[in-house]
């Protein structure tokens, strides 16, 4: 499964890049707001699914590591504020290592 994940993630990145290029060429630069909203909705659906299976610590980690920075990036894209969008992206790289360390301590 671990070897398959890198191929799935690579395919997802390429699919997202292709979708972004298609949407921007067809609908203009404002389509990036739509794309980021769709990504945020998919993340929220995953968060709700994790809550439904009663994995509360994983749900908290998902919220802080992906949904919160994604929402900040969405607001930055929506408001056309590059500083806010980049800070949301930087927040992902700050929070994920911290979250991994916390989750590893929680599992032990």
PDB file of N, CA and C in Angstrom:
ATOM      1  N   UNK A   1       0.825  -1.194   0.000  1.00  0.00           N
ATOM      2  CA  UNK A   1       0.000   0.000   0.000  1.00  0.00           C
ATOM      3  C   UNK A   1       0.871   1.260   0.000  1.00  0.00           C
ATOM      4  N   UNK A   2       1.990   1.220   0.727  1.00  0.00           N
ATOM      5  CA  UNK A   2       2.843   2.396   0.825  1.00  0.00           C
ATOM      6  C   UNK A   2       3.442   2.761  -0.531  1.00  0.00           C
ATOM      7  N   UNK A   3       3.812   1.760  -1.316  1.00  0.00           N
ATOM      8  CA  UNK A   3       4.364   2.024  -2.641  1.00  0.00           C
ATOM      9  C   UNK A   3       3.305   2.578  -3.588  1.00  0.00           C
ATOM     10  N   UNK A   4       2.066   2.158  -3.398  1.00  0.00           N
ATOM     11  CA  UNK A   4       0.988   2.653  -4.248  1.00  0.00           C
ATOM     12  C   UNK A   4       0.644   4.106  -3.948  1.00  0.00           C
ATOM     13  N   UNK A   5       0.871   4.536  -2.723  1.00  0.00           N
ATOM     14  CA  UNK A   5       0.504   5.895  -2.334  1.00  0.00           C
ATOM     15  C   UNK A   5       1.274   6.949  -3.114  1.00  0.00           C
ATOM     16  N   UNK A   6       2.541   6.715  -3.388  1.00  0.00           N
ATOM     17  CA  UNK A   6       3.303   7.723  -4.121  1.00  0.00           C
ATOM     18  C   UNK A   6       2.795   7.854  -5.548  1.00  0.00           C
ATOM     19  N   UNK A   7       2.335   6.751  -6.141  1.00  0.00           N
ATOM     20  CA  UNK A   7       1.767   6.830  -7.488  1.00  0.00           C
ATOM     21  C   UNK A   7       0.401   7.515  -7.475  1.00  0.00           C
ATOM     22  N   UNK A   8      -0.385   7.233  -6.458  1.00  0.00           N
ATOM     23  CA  UNK A   8      -1.689   7.881  -6.336  1.00  0.00           C
ATOM     24  C   UNK A   8      -1.512   9.376  -6.121  1.00  0.00           C
ATOM     25  N   UNK A   9      -0.574   9.755  -5.266  1.00  0.00           N
ATOM     26  CA  UNK A   9      -0.335  11.171  -4.995  1.00  0.00           C
ATOM     27  C   UNK A   9       0.207  11.880  -6.223  1.00  0.00           C
ATOM     28  N   UNK A  10       1.117  11.245  -6.940  1.00  0.00           N
ATOM     29  CA  UNK A  10       1.647  11.838  -8.169  1.00  0.00           C
ATOM     30  C   UNK A  10       0.559  12.019  -9.217  1.00  0.00           C
ATOM     31  N   UNK A  11      -0.300  11.015  -9.358  1.00  0.00           N
ATOM     32  CA  UNK A  11      -1.408  11.116 -10.302  1.00  0.00           C
ATOM     33  C   UNK A  11      -2.363  12.236  -9.905  1.00  0.00           C
ATOM     34  N   UNK A  12      -2.627  12.379  -8.615  1.00  0.00           N
ATOM     35  CA  UNK A  12      -3.522  13.424  -8.139  1.00  0.00           C
ATOM     36  C   UNK A  12      -2.951  14.808  -8.421  1.00  0.00           C
ATOM     37  N   UNK A  13      -1.653  14.978  -8.221  1.00  0.00           N
ATOM     38  CA  UNK A  13      -1.023  16.271  -8.496  1.00  0.00           C
ATOM     39  C   UNK A  13      -1.116  16.598  -9.987  1.00  0.00           C
ATOM     40  N   UNK A  14      -0.803  15.627 -10.825  1.00  0.00           N
ATOM     41  CA  UNK A  14      -0.899  15.860 -12.270  1.00  0.00           C
ATOM     42  C   UNK A  14      -2.337  16.130 -12.713  1.00  0.00           C
ATOM     43  N   UNK A  15      -3.287  15.424 -12.127  1.00  0.00           N
ATOM     44  CA  UNK A  15      -4.698  15.656 -12.443  1.00  0.00           C
ATOM     45  C   UNK A  15      -5.117  17.063 -12.023  1.00  0.00           C
ATOM     46  N   UNK A  16      -4.686  17.489 -10.845  1.00  0.00           N
ATOM     47  CA  UNK A  16      -5.035  18.831 -10.368  1.00  0.00           C
ATOM     48  C   UNK A  16      -4.405  19.910 -11.244  1.00  0.00           C
ATOM     49  N   UNK A  17      -3.169  19.696 -11.682  1.00  0.00           N
ATOM     50  CA  UNK A  17      -2.527  20.671 -12.568  1.00  0.00           C
ATOM     51  C   UNK A  17      -3.256  20.751 -13.904  1.00  0.00           C
ATOM     52  N   UNK A  18      -3.648  19.619 -14.443  1.00  0.00           N
ATOM     53  CA  UNK A  18      -4.395  19.605 -15.699  1.00  0.00           C
ATOM     54  C   UNK A  18      -5.757  20.253 -15.554  1.00  0.00           C
ATOM     55  N   UNK A  19      -6.444  19.952 -14.453  1.00  0.00           N
ATOM     56  CA  UNK A  19      -7.749  20.558 -14.203  1.00  0.00           C
ATOM     57  C   UNK A  19      -7.626  22.066 -14.037  1.00  0.00           C
ATOM     58  N   UNK A  20      -6.609  22.507 -13.327  1.00  0.00           N
ATOM     59  CA  UNK A  20      -6.393  23.936 -13.134  1.00  0.00           C
ATOM     60  C   UNK A  20      -6.124  24.630 -14.461  1.00  0.00           C
ATOM     61  N   UNK A  21      -5.283  24.044 -15.281  1.00  0.00           N
ATOM     62  CA  UNK A  21      -4.974  24.648 -16.584  1.00  0.00           C
ATOM     63  C   UNK A  21      -6.222  24.714 -17.468  1.00  0.00           C
ATOM     64  N   UNK A  22      -7.018  23.650 -17.460  1.00  0.00           N
ATOM     65  CA  UNK A  22      -8.249  23.626 -18.253  1.00  0.00           C
ATOM     66  C   UNK A  22      -9.234  24.673 -17.758  1.00  0.00           C
ATOM     67  N   UNK A  23      -9.434  24.727 -16.436  1.00  0.00           N
ATOM     68  CA  UNK A  23     -10.417  25.658 -15.870  1.00  0.00           C
ATOM     69  C   UNK A  23      -9.988  27.109 -16.096  1.00  0.00           C
ATOM     70  N   UNK A  24      -8.706  27.409 -15.948  1.00  0.00           N
ATOM     71  CA  UNK A  24      -8.228  28.782 -16.125  1.00  0.00           C
ATOM     72  C   UNK A  24      -8.349  29.202 -17.586  1.00  0.00           C
ATOM     73  N   UNK A  25      -8.039  28.296 -18.492  1.00  0.00           N
ATOM     74  CA  UNK A  25      -8.141  28.663 -19.910  1.00  0.00           C
ATOM     75  C   UNK A  25      -9.594  28.838 -20.337  1.00  0.00           C
ATOM     76  N   UNK A  26     -10.497  28.119 -19.703  1.00  0.00           N
ATOM     77  CA  UNK A  26     -11.906  28.202 -20.095  1.00  0.00           C
ATOM     78  C   UNK A  26     -12.659  29.305 -19.355  1.00  0.00           C
ATOM     79  N   UNK A  27     -12.420  29.440 -18.057  1.00  0.00           N
ATOM     80  CA  UNK A  27     -13.210  30.367 -17.239  1.00  0.00           C
ATOM     81  C   UNK A  27     -12.433  31.563 -16.706  1.00  0.00           C
ATOM     82  N   UNK A  28     -11.152  31.639 -16.938  1.00  0.00           N
ATOM     83  CA  UNK A  28     -10.371  32.776 -16.472  1.00  0.00           C
ATOM     84  C   UNK A  28      -9.737  32.524 -15.117  1.00  0.00           C
ATOM     85  N   UNK A  29      -9.085  33.548 -14.618  1.00  0.00           N
ATOM     86  CA  UNK A  29      -8.329  33.420 -13.366  1.00  0.00           C
ATOM     87  C   UNK A  29      -9.230  33.191 -12.153  1.00  0.00           C
ATOM     88  N   UNK A  30     -10.487  33.594 -12.226  1.00  0.00           N
ATOM     89  CA  UNK A  30     -11.382  33.399 -11.085  1.00  0.00           C
ATOM     90  C   UNK A  30     -11.749  31.938 -10.863  1.00  0.00           C
ATOM     91  N   UNK A  31     -11.428  31.076 -11.812  1.00  0.00           N
ATOM     92  CA  UNK A  31     -11.731  29.662 -11.624  1.00  0.00           C
ATOM     93  C   UNK A  31     -10.853  29.046 -10.542  1.00  0.00           C
ATOM     94  N   UNK A  32      -9.753  29.681 -10.207  1.00  0.00           N
ATOM     95  CA  UNK A  32      -8.910  29.161  -9.121  1.00  0.00           C
ATOM     96  C   UNK A  32      -9.656  29.196  -7.788  1.00  0.00           C
ATOM     97  N   UNK A  33     -10.546  30.141  -7.632  1.00  0.00           N
ATOM     98  CA  UNK A  33     -11.371  30.188  -6.425  1.00  0.00           C
ATOM     99  C   UNK A  33     -12.281  28.967  -6.392  1.00  0.00           C
ATOM    100  N   UNK A  34     -12.844  28.616  -7.525  1.00  0.00           N
ATOM    101  CA  UNK A  34     -13.726  27.457  -7.597  1.00  0.00           C
ATOM    102  C   UNK A  34     -12.939  26.178  -7.303  1.00  0.00           C
ATOM    103  N   UNK A  35     -11.758  26.063  -7.864  1.00  0.00           N
ATOM    104  CA  UNK A  35     -10.929  24.874  -7.642  1.00  0.00           C
ATOM    105  C   UNK A  35     -10.548  24.749  -6.174  1.00  0.00           C
ATOM    106  N   UNK A  36     -10.151  25.847  -5.550  1.00  0.00           N
ATOM    107  CA  UNK A  36      -9.766  25.779  -4.136  1.00  0.00           C
ATOM    108  C   UNK A  36     -10.976  25.498  -3.254  1.00  0.00           C
ATOM    109  N   UNK A  37     -12.150  25.982  -3.633  1.00  0.00           N
ATOM    110  CA  UNK A  37     -13.366  25.682  -2.875  1.00  0.00           C
ATOM    111  C   UNK A  37     -13.707  24.202  -2.978  1.00  0.00           C
ATOM    112  N   UNK A  38     -13.560  23.628  -4.160  1.00  0.00           N
ATOM    113  CA  UNK A  38     -13.820  22.201  -4.333  1.00  0.00           C
ATOM    114  C   UNK A  38     -12.848  21.382  -3.485  1.00  0.00           C
ATOM    115  N   UNK A  39     -11.578  21.768  -3.469  1.00  0.00           N
ATOM    116  CA  UNK A  39     -10.589  21.063  -2.644  1.00  0.00           C
ATOM    117  C   UNK A  39     -10.930  21.172  -1.162  1.00  0.00           C
ATOM    118  N   UNK A  40     -11.398  22.334  -0.739  1.00  0.00           N
ATOM    119  CA  UNK A  40     -11.781  22.526   0.659  1.00  0.00           C
ATOM    120  C   UNK A  40     -13.008  21.684   1.009  1.00  0.00           C
ATOM    121  N   UNK A  41     -13.948  21.586   0.100  1.00  0.00           N
ATOM    122  CA  UNK A  41     -15.143  20.769   0.342  1.00  0.00           C
ATOM    123  C   UNK A  41     -14.776  19.292   0.434  1.00  0.00           C
ATOM    124  N   UNK A  42     -13.874  18.825  -0.429  1.00  0.00           N
ATOM    125  CA  UNK A  42     -13.425  17.433  -0.368  1.00  0.00           C
ATOM    126  C   UNK A  42     -12.710  17.169   0.954  1.00  0.00           C
ATOM    127  N   UNK A  43     -11.908  18.115   1.412  1.00  0.00           N
ATOM    128  CA  UNK A  43     -11.223  17.959   2.702  1.00  0.00           C
ATOM    129  C   UNK A  43     -12.223  17.898   3.849  1.00  0.00           C
ATOM    130  N   UNK A  44     -13.234  18.729   3.796  1.00  0.00           N
ATOM    131  CA  UNK A  44     -14.261  18.710   4.846  1.00  0.00           C
ATOM    132  C   UNK A  44     -15.041  17.394   4.828  1.00  0.00           C
ATOM    133  N   UNK A  45     -15.305  16.850   3.638  1.00  0.00           N
ATOM    134  CA  UNK A  45     -15.992  15.564   3.550  1.00  0.00           C
ATOM    135  C   UNK A  45     -15.140  14.461   4.175  1.00  0.00           C
ATOM    136  N   UNK A  46     -13.837  14.489   3.923  1.00  0.00           N
ATOM    137  CA  UNK A  46     -12.940  13.526   4.555  1.00  0.00           C
ATOM    138  C   UNK A  46     -12.904  13.687   6.066  1.00  0.00           C
ATOM    139  N   UNK A  47     -12.932  14.927   6.524  1.00  0.00           N
ATOM    140  CA  UNK A  47     -12.954  15.208   7.961  1.00  0.00           C
ATOM    141  C   UNK A  47     -14.212  14.632   8.602  1.00  0.00           C
ATOM    142  N   UNK A  48     -15.343  14.825   7.959  1.00  0.00           N
ATOM    143  CA  UNK A  48     -16.606  14.294   8.479  1.00  0.00           C
ATOM    144  C   UNK A  48     -16.593  12.770   8.465  1.00  0.00           C
ATOM    145  N   UNK A  49     -16.009  12.175   7.420  1.00  0.00           N
ATOM    146  CA  UNK A  49     -15.917  10.716   7.361  1.00  0.00           C
ATOM    147  C   UNK A  49     -15.048  10.175   8.489  1.00  0.00           C
ATOM    148  N   UNK A  50     -13.958  10.867   8.799  1.00  0.00           N
ATOM    149  CA  UNK A  50     -13.103  10.435   9.907  1.00  0.00           C
ATOM    150  C   UNK A  50     -13.847  10.547  11.231  1.00  0.00           C
ATOM    151  N   UNK A  51     -14.636  11.594  11.382  1.00  0.00           N
ATOM    152  CA  UNK A  51     -15.431  11.732  12.605  1.00  0.00           C
ATOM    153  C   UNK A  51     -16.470  10.627  12.721  1.00  0.00           C
ATOM    154  N   UNK A  52     -17.049  10.213  11.600  1.00  0.00           N
ATOM    155  CA  UNK A  52     -18.081   9.168  11.621  1.00  0.00           C
ATOM    156  C   UNK A  52     -17.537   7.821  12.069  1.00  0.00           C
ATOM    157  N   UNK A  53     -16.268   7.549  11.797  1.00  0.00           N
ATOM    158  CA  UNK A  53     -15.683   6.285  12.242  1.00  0.00           C
ATOM    159  C   UNK A  53     -15.039   6.414  13.617  1.00  0.00           C
ATOM    160  N   UNK A  54     -15.271   7.531  14.264  1.00  0.00           N
ATOM    161  CA  UNK A  54     -14.862   7.794  15.645  1.00  0.00           C
ATOM    162  C   UNK A  54     -13.352   7.743  15.861  1.00  0.00           C
ATOM    163  N   UNK A  55     -12.610   8.283  14.911  1.00  0.00           N
ATOM    164  CA  UNK A  55     -11.164   8.453  15.044  1.00  0.00           C
ATOM    165  C   UNK A  55     -10.914   9.932  15.370  1.00  0.00           C
ATOM    166  N   UNK A  56     -11.175  10.308  16.609  1.00  0.00           N
ATOM    167  CA  UNK A  56     -11.195  11.713  16.979  1.00  0.00           C
ATOM    168  C   UNK A  56      -9.829  12.383  16.903  1.00  0.00           C
ATOM    169  N   UNK A  57      -8.780  11.700  17.297  1.00  0.00           N
ATOM    170  CA  UNK A  57      -7.443  12.303  17.234  1.00  0.00           C
ATOM    171  C   UNK A  57      -7.022  12.515  15.784  1.00  0.00           C
ATOM    172  N   UNK A  58      -7.361  11.569  14.918  1.00  0.00           N
ATOM    173  CA  UNK A  58      -7.061  11.731  13.490  1.00  0.00           C
ATOM    174  C   UNK A  58      -7.872  12.880  12.904  1.00  0.00           C
ATOM    175  N   UNK A  59      -9.098  13.063  13.382  1.00  0.00           N
ATOM    176  CA  UNK A  59      -9.931  14.167  12.904  1.00  0.00           C
ATOM    177  C   UNK A  59      -9.352  15.513  13.323  1.00  0.00           C
ATOM    178  N   UNK A  60      -8.872  15.603  14.547  1.00  0.00           N
ATOM    179  CA  UNK A  60      -8.256  16.848  15.016  1.00  0.00           C
ATOM    180  C   UNK A  60      -6.994  17.143  14.212  1.00  0.00           C
ATOM    181  N   UNK A  61      -6.189  16.101  13.975  1.00  0.00           N
ATOM    182  CA  UNK A  61      -4.960  16.278  13.192  1.00  0.00           C
ATOM    183  C   UNK A  61      -5.295  16.704  11.766  1.00  0.00           C
ATOM    184  N   UNK A  62      -6.298  16.105  11.174  1.00  0.00           N
ATOM    185  CA  UNK A  62      -6.710  16.475   9.816  1.00  0.00           C
ATOM    186  C   UNK A  62      -7.172  17.918   9.768  1.00  0.00           C
ATOM    187  N   UNK A  63      -7.915  18.324  10.775  1.00  0.00           N
ATOM    188  CA  UNK A  63      -8.400  19.702  10.796  1.00  0.00           C
ATOM    189  C   UNK A  63      -7.241  20.687  10.842  1.00  0.00           C
ATOM    190  N   UNK A  64      -6.312  20.475  11.769  1.00  0.00           N
ATOM    191  CA  UNK A  64      -5.225  21.432  11.930  1.00  0.00           C
ATOM    192  C   UNK A  64      -4.178  21.348  10.830  1.00  0.00           C
ATOM    193  N   UNK A  65      -3.947  20.138  10.278  1.00  0.00           N
ATOM    194  CA  UNK A  65      -2.880  19.993   9.288  1.00  0.00           C
ATOM    195  C   UNK A  65      -3.329  20.310   7.870  1.00  0.00           C
ATOM    196  N   UNK A  66      -4.614  20.146   7.559  1.00  0.00           N
ATOM    197  CA  UNK A  66      -5.035  20.331   6.178  1.00  0.00           C
ATOM    198  C   UNK A  66      -6.175  21.324   6.001  1.00  0.00           C
ATOM    199  N   UNK A  67      -7.200  21.242   6.823  1.00  0.00           N
ATOM    200  CA  UNK A  67      -8.378  22.067   6.603  1.00  0.00           C
ATOM    201  C   UNK A  67      -8.136  23.516   6.992  1.00  0.00           C
ATOM    202  N   UNK A  68      -7.532  23.767   8.130  1.00  0.00           N
ATOM    203  CA  UNK A  68      -7.267  25.133   8.566  1.00  0.00           C
ATOM    204  C   UNK A  68      -6.343  25.881   7.601  1.00  0.00           C
ATOM    205  N   UNK A  69      -5.188  25.309   7.218  1.00  0.00           N
ATOM    206  CA  UNK A  69      -4.366  26.010   6.217  1.00  0.00           C
ATOM    207  C   UNK A  69      -5.061  26.128   4.864  1.00  0.00           C
ATOM    208  N   UNK A  70      -5.855  25.110   4.500  1.00  0.00           N
ATOM    209  CA  UNK A  70      -6.602  25.180   3.240  1.00  0.00           C
ATOM    210  C   UNK A  70      -7.620  26.300   3.248  1.00  0.00           C
ATOM    211  N   UNK A  71      -8.285  26.495   4.387  1.00  0.00           N
ATOM    212  CA  UNK A  71      -9.246  27.586   4.492  1.00  0.00           C
ATOM    213  C   UNK A  71      -8.546  28.939   4.412  1.00  0.00           C
ATOM    214  N   UNK A  72      -7.376  29.049   5.028  1.00  0.00           N
ATOM    215  CA  UNK A  72      -6.614  30.303   4.952  1.00  0.00           C
ATOM    216  C   UNK A  72      -6.173  30.575   3.527  1.00  0.00           C
ATOM    217  N   UNK A  73      -5.707  29.522   2.839  1.00  0.00           N
ATOM    218  CA  UNK A  73      -5.322  29.706   1.435  1.00  0.00           C
ATOM    219  C   UNK A  73      -6.524  30.080   0.584  1.00  0.00           C
ATOM    220  N   UNK A  74      -7.683  29.461   0.837  1.00  0.00           N
ATOM    221  CA  UNK A  74      -8.893  29.788   0.083  1.00  0.00           C
ATOM    222  C   UNK A  74      -9.276  31.253   0.273  1.00  0.00           C
ATOM    223  N   UNK A  75      -9.220  31.715   1.514  1.00  0.00           N
ATOM    224  CA  UNK A  75      -9.548  33.126   1.761  1.00  0.00           C
ATOM    225  C   UNK A  75      -8.565  34.046   1.042  1.00  0.00           C
ATOM    226  N   UNK A  76      -7.286  33.673   1.031  1.00  0.00           N
ATOM    227  CA  UNK A  76      -6.293  34.473   0.326  1.00  0.00           C
ATOM    228  C   UNK A  76      -6.542  34.513  -1.167  1.00  0.00           C
ATOM    229  N   UNK A  77      -6.915  33.373  -1.746  1.00  0.00           N
ATOM    230  CA  UNK A  77      -7.208  33.336  -3.180  1.00  0.00           C
ATOM    231  C   UNK A  77      -8.481  34.109  -3.476  1.00  0.00           C
ATOM    232  N   UNK A  78      -9.495  33.944  -2.620  1.00  0.00           N
ATOM    233  CA  UNK A  78     -10.772  34.622  -2.835  1.00  0.00           C
ATOM    234  C   UNK A  78     -10.625  36.139  -2.731  1.00  0.00           C
ATOM    235  N   UNK A  79      -9.850  36.592  -1.768  1.00  0.00           N
ATOM    236  CA  UNK A  79      -9.661  38.029  -1.571  1.00  0.00           C
ATOM    237  C   UNK A  79      -8.555  38.603  -2.455  1.00  0.00           C
ATOM    238  N   UNK A  80      -7.921  37.746  -3.243  1.00  0.00           N
ATOM    239  CA  UNK A  80      -6.816  38.126  -4.116  1.00  0.00           C
ATOM    240  C   UNK A  80      -5.681  38.745  -3.303  1.00  0.00           C
ATOM    241  N   UNK A  81      -5.395  38.108  -2.181  1.00  0.00           N
ATOM    242  CA  UNK A  81      -4.341  38.538  -1.275  1.00  0.00           C
ATOM    243  C   UNK A  81      -3.259  37.461  -1.278  1.00  0.00           C
ATOM    244  N   UNK A  82      -2.186  37.710  -1.990  1.00  0.00           N
ATOM    245  CA  UNK A  82      -1.143  36.712  -2.148  1.00  0.00           C
ATOM    246  C   UNK A  82      -0.441  36.406  -0.835  1.00  0.00           C
ATOM    247  N   UNK A  83      -0.296  37.388   0.038  1.00  0.00           N
ATOM    248  CA  UNK A  83       0.359  37.172   1.325  1.00  0.00           C
ATOM    249  C   UNK A  83      -0.428  36.168   2.165  1.00  0.00           C
ATOM    250  N   UNK A  84      -1.742  36.287   2.177  1.00  0.00           N
ATOM    251  CA  UNK A  84      -2.582  35.368   2.937  1.00  0.00           C
ATOM    252  C   UNK A  84      -2.538  33.964   2.337  1.00  0.00           C
ATOM    253  N   UNK A  85      -2.543  33.865   1.017  1.00  0.00           N
ATOM    254  CA  UNK A  85      -2.486  32.554   0.364  1.00  0.00           C
ATOM    255  C   UNK A  85      -1.151  31.870   0.623  1.00  0.00           C
ATOM    256  N   UNK A  86      -0.069  32.591   0.554  1.00  0.00           N
ATOM    257  CA  UNK A  86       1.254  32.015   0.798  1.00  0.00           C
ATOM    258  C   UNK A  86       1.427  31.660   2.273  1.00  0.00           C
ATOM    259  N   UNK A  87       0.849  32.454   3.159  1.00  0.00           N
ATOM    260  CA  UNK A  87       0.952  32.125   4.579  1.00  0.00           C
ATOM    261  C   UNK A  87       0.186  30.849   4.900  1.00  0.00           C
ATOM    262  N   UNK A  88      -0.933  30.604   4.224  1.00  0.00           N
ATOM    263  CA  UNK A  88      -1.638  29.333   4.393  1.00  0.00           C
ATOM    264  C   UNK A  88      -0.805  28.164   3.917  1.00  0.00           C
ATOM    265  N   UNK A  89      -0.109  28.338   2.807  1.00  0.00           N
ATOM    266  CA  UNK A  89       0.773  27.296   2.300  1.00  0.00           C
ATOM    267  C   UNK A  89       1.946  27.060   3.251  1.00  0.00           C
ATOM    268  N   UNK A  90       2.520  28.120   3.768  1.00  0.00           N
ATOM    269  CA  UNK A  90       3.630  27.985   4.713  1.00  0.00           C
ATOM    270  C   UNK A  90       3.159  27.326   6.010  1.00  0.00           C
ATOM    271  N   UNK A  91       1.933  27.596   6.397  1.00  0.00           N
ATOM    272  CA  UNK A  91       1.382  27.003   7.611  1.00  0.00           C
ATOM    273  C   UNK A  91       1.305  25.487   7.501  1.00  0.00           C
ATOM    274  N   UNK A  92       1.052  24.982   6.292  1.00  0.00           N
ATOM    275  CA  UNK A  92       1.038  23.535   6.093  1.00  0.00           C
ATOM    276  C   UNK A  92       2.400  22.941   6.429  1.00  0.00           C
ATOM    277  N   UNK A  93       3.475  23.570   5.944  1.00  0.00           N
ATOM    278  CA  UNK A  93       4.807  23.037   6.168  1.00  0.00           C
ATOM    279  C   UNK A  93       5.279  23.222   7.596  1.00  0.00           C
ATOM    280  N   UNK A  94       4.648  24.096   8.338  1.00  0.00           N
ATOM    281  CA  UNK A  94       4.992  24.273   9.748  1.00  0.00           C
ATOM    282  C   UNK A  94       4.212  23.290  10.619  1.00  0.00           C
ATOM    283  N   UNK A  95       2.929  23.109  10.316  1.00  0.00           N
ATOM    284  CA  UNK A  95       2.057  22.311  11.171  1.00  0.00           C
ATOM    285  C   UNK A  95       2.237  20.808  10.967  1.00  0.00           C
ATOM    286  N   UNK A  96       2.497  20.356   9.748  1.00  0.00           N
ATOM    287  CA  UNK A  96       2.571  18.918   9.487  1.00  0.00           C
ATOM    288  C   UNK A  96       3.671  18.229  10.309  1.00  0.00           C
ATOM    289  N   UNK A  97       4.909  18.739  10.370  1.00  0.00           N
ATOM    290  CA  UNK A  97       5.901  18.047  11.223  1.00  0.00           C
ATOM    291  C   UNK A  97       5.517  18.036  12.697  1.00  0.00           C
ATOM    292  N   UNK A  98       4.934  19.117  13.159  1.00  0.00           N
ATOM    293  CA  UNK A  98       4.486  19.160  14.555  1.00  0.00           C
ATOM    294  C   UNK A  98       3.382  18.140  14.782  1.00  0.00           C
ATOM    295  N   UNK A  99       2.435  18.084  13.853  1.00  0.00           N
ATOM    296  CA  UNK A  99       1.331  17.125  13.972  1.00  0.00           C
ATOM    297  C   UNK A  99       1.798  15.687  13.937  1.00  0.00           C
ATOM    298  N   UNK A 100       2.790  15.390  13.118  1.00  0.00           N
ATOM    299  CA  UNK A 100       3.311  14.027  13.048  1.00  0.00           C
ATOM    300  C   UNK A 100       3.957  13.630  14.366  1.00  0.00           C
ATOM    301  N   UNK A 101       4.708  14.545  14.979  1.00  0.00           N
ATOM    302  CA  UNK A 101       5.333  14.245  16.266  1.00  0.00           C
ATOM    303  C   UNK A 101       4.288  14.033  17.353  1.00  0.00           C
ATOM    304  N   UNK A 102       3.243  14.855  17.347  1.00  0.00           N
ATOM    305  CA  UNK A 102       2.183  14.716  18.345  1.00  0.00           C
ATOM    306  C   UNK A 102       1.437  13.404  18.161  1.00  0.00           C
ATOM    307  N   UNK A 103       1.132  13.047  16.919  1.00  0.00           N
ATOM    308  CA  UNK A 103       0.424  11.795  16.661  1.00  0.00           C
ATOM    309  C   UNK A 103       1.273  10.584  17.027  1.00  0.00           C
ATOM    310  N   UNK A 104       2.565  10.649  16.793  1.00  0.00           N
ATOM    311  CA  UNK A 104       3.430   9.534  17.187  1.00  0.00           C
ATOM    312  C   UNK A 104       3.460   9.359  18.697  1.00  0.00           C
ATOM    313  N   UNK A 105       3.459  10.456  19.449  1.00  0.00           N
ATOM    314  CA  UNK A 105       3.412  10.357  20.912  1.00  0.00           C
ATOM    315  C   UNK A 105       2.060   9.840  21.377  1.00  0.00           C
ATOM    316  N   UNK A 106       1.002  10.189  20.656  1.00  0.00           N
ATOM    317  CA  UNK A 106      -0.345   9.742  21.026  1.00  0.00           C
ATOM    318  C   UNK A 106      -0.505   8.236  20.800  1.00  0.00           C
ATOM    319  N   UNK A 107       0.117   7.700  19.768  1.00  0.00           N
ATOM    320  CA  UNK A 107       0.007   6.278  19.474  1.00  0.00           C
ATOM    321  C   UNK A 107       0.722   5.422  20.506  1.00  0.00           C
ATOM    322  N   UNK A 108       1.775   5.936  21.122  1.00  0.00           N
ATOM    323  CA  UNK A 108       2.550   5.159  22.096  1.00  0.00           C
ATOM    324  C   UNK A 108       1.901   5.117  23.429  1.00  0.00           C
TER     325      UNK A 108
END
